[in-house]
Amino acid sequence: MAKNKKGEGFHSAAGLIRYFDSEDDKALKVNPWLVVAMCVAASVIVVVLGSLYPT
């Protein structure tokens, strides 16, 4: 049977916090509104193409 490890969650969470807190200056930064606009545009294209070329 596996034993319960009570202190393990804190150590793994601390590693994730340290990983996400470090921000890379070379990383590509995308405006969240651009992502939303691209999703809306892709949805519109799919609906329009679906109505133009029904199966």
C-alpha atoms as a PDB file:
ATOM      1  CA  MET A   1       0.000   0.000   0.000  1.00  0.00           C
ATOM      2  CA  ALA A   2       1.158   3.525  -0.710  1.00  0.00           C
ATOM      3  CA  LYS A   3       1.869   5.806   2.204  1.00  0.00           C
ATOM      4  CA  ASN A   4       0.416   9.302   2.337  1.00  0.00           C
ATOM      5  CA  LYS A   5       3.018  12.055   1.926  1.00  0.00           C
ATOM      6  CA  LYS A   6       1.613  15.153   3.596  1.00  0.00           C
ATOM      7  CA  GLY A   7       4.376  17.664   2.824  1.00  0.00           C
ATOM      8  CA  GLU A   8       4.815  16.835  -0.858  1.00  0.00           C
ATOM      9  CA  GLY A   9       2.255  19.300  -2.275  1.00  0.00           C
ATOM     10  CA  PHE A  10       4.038  22.374  -0.976  1.00  0.00           C
ATOM     11  CA  HIS A  11       7.382  21.446  -2.525  1.00  0.00           C
ATOM     12  CA  SER A  12       5.930  20.808  -5.963  1.00  0.00           C
ATOM     13  CA  ALA A  13       3.827  23.986  -5.794  1.00  0.00           C
ATOM     14  CA  ALA A  14       6.896  26.014  -4.849  1.00  0.00           C
ATOM     15  CA  GLY A  15       8.668  24.788  -7.966  1.00  0.00           C
ATOM     16  CA  LEU A  16       5.732  25.779 -10.168  1.00  0.00           C
ATOM     17  CA  ILE A  17       5.544  29.226  -8.600  1.00  0.00           C
ATOM     18  CA  ARG A  18       9.244  29.773  -9.174  1.00  0.00           C
ATOM     19  CA  TYR A  19       8.886  28.566 -12.791  1.00  0.00           C
ATOM     20  CA  PHE A  20       5.951  30.844 -13.612  1.00  0.00           C
ATOM     21  CA  ASP A  21       7.369  33.860 -11.774  1.00  0.00           C
ATOM     22  CA  SER A  22      10.430  33.994 -13.982  1.00  0.00           C
ATOM     23  CA  GLU A  23       9.551  35.885 -17.135  1.00  0.00           C
ATOM     24  CA  ASP A  24      11.756  35.604 -20.193  1.00  0.00           C
ATOM     25  CA  ASP A  25      12.519  38.889 -21.963  1.00  0.00           C
ATOM     26  CA  LYS A  26      13.052  37.064 -25.265  1.00  0.00           C
ATOM     27  CA  ALA A  27       9.628  35.405 -25.182  1.00  0.00           C
ATOM     28  CA  LEU A  28       6.984  36.294 -27.727  1.00  0.00           C
ATOM     29  CA  LYS A  29       4.376  38.521 -26.109  1.00  0.00           C
ATOM     30  CA  VAL A  30       0.889  38.387 -27.603  1.00  0.00           C
ATOM     31  CA  ASN A  31      -1.940  40.678 -26.629  1.00  0.00           C
ATOM     32  CA  PRO A  32      -4.830  38.593 -25.221  1.00  0.00           C
ATOM     33  CA  TRP A  33      -7.334  40.553 -27.310  1.00  0.00           C
ATOM     34  CA  LEU A  34      -5.472  39.479 -30.447  1.00  0.00           C
ATOM     35  CA  VAL A  35      -5.991  35.845 -29.485  1.00  0.00           C
ATOM     36  CA  VAL A  36      -9.708  36.461 -28.890  1.00  0.00           C
ATOM     37  CA  ALA A  37     -10.032  38.288 -32.223  1.00  0.00           C
ATOM     38  CA  MET A  38      -8.269  35.453 -34.055  1.00  0.00           C
ATOM     39  CA  CYS A  39     -10.618  32.882 -32.482  1.00  0.00           C
ATOM     40  CA  VAL A  40     -13.676  34.914 -33.473  1.00  0.00           C
ATOM     41  CA  ALA A  41     -12.337  35.357 -37.013  1.00  0.00           C
ATOM     42  CA  ALA A  42     -11.618  31.631 -37.345  1.00  0.00           C
ATOM     43  CA  SER A  43     -15.131  30.832 -36.107  1.00  0.00           C
ATOM     44  CA  VAL A  44     -16.686  33.210 -38.645  1.00  0.00           C
ATOM     45  CA  ILE A  45     -14.630  31.681 -41.454  1.00  0.00           C
ATOM     46  CA  VAL A  46     -15.716  28.165 -40.486  1.00  0.00           C
ATOM     47  CA  VAL A  47     -19.403  29.163 -40.339  1.00  0.00           C
ATOM     48  CA  VAL A  48     -19.246  31.003 -43.680  1.00  0.00           C
ATOM     49  CA  LEU A  49     -17.437  28.163 -45.422  1.00  0.00           C
ATOM     50  CA  GLY A  50     -19.872  25.680 -43.892  1.00  0.00           C
ATOM     51  CA  SER A  51     -22.825  27.580 -45.332  1.00  0.00           C
ATOM     52  CA  LEU A  52     -21.183  28.050 -48.745  1.00  0.00           C
ATOM     53  CA  TYR A  53     -20.072  24.431 -49.120  1.00  0.00           C
ATOM     54  CA  PRO A  54     -22.584  22.222 -47.287  1.00  0.00           C
ATOM     55  CA  THR A  55     -21.856  18.498 -47.165  1.00  0.00           C
END
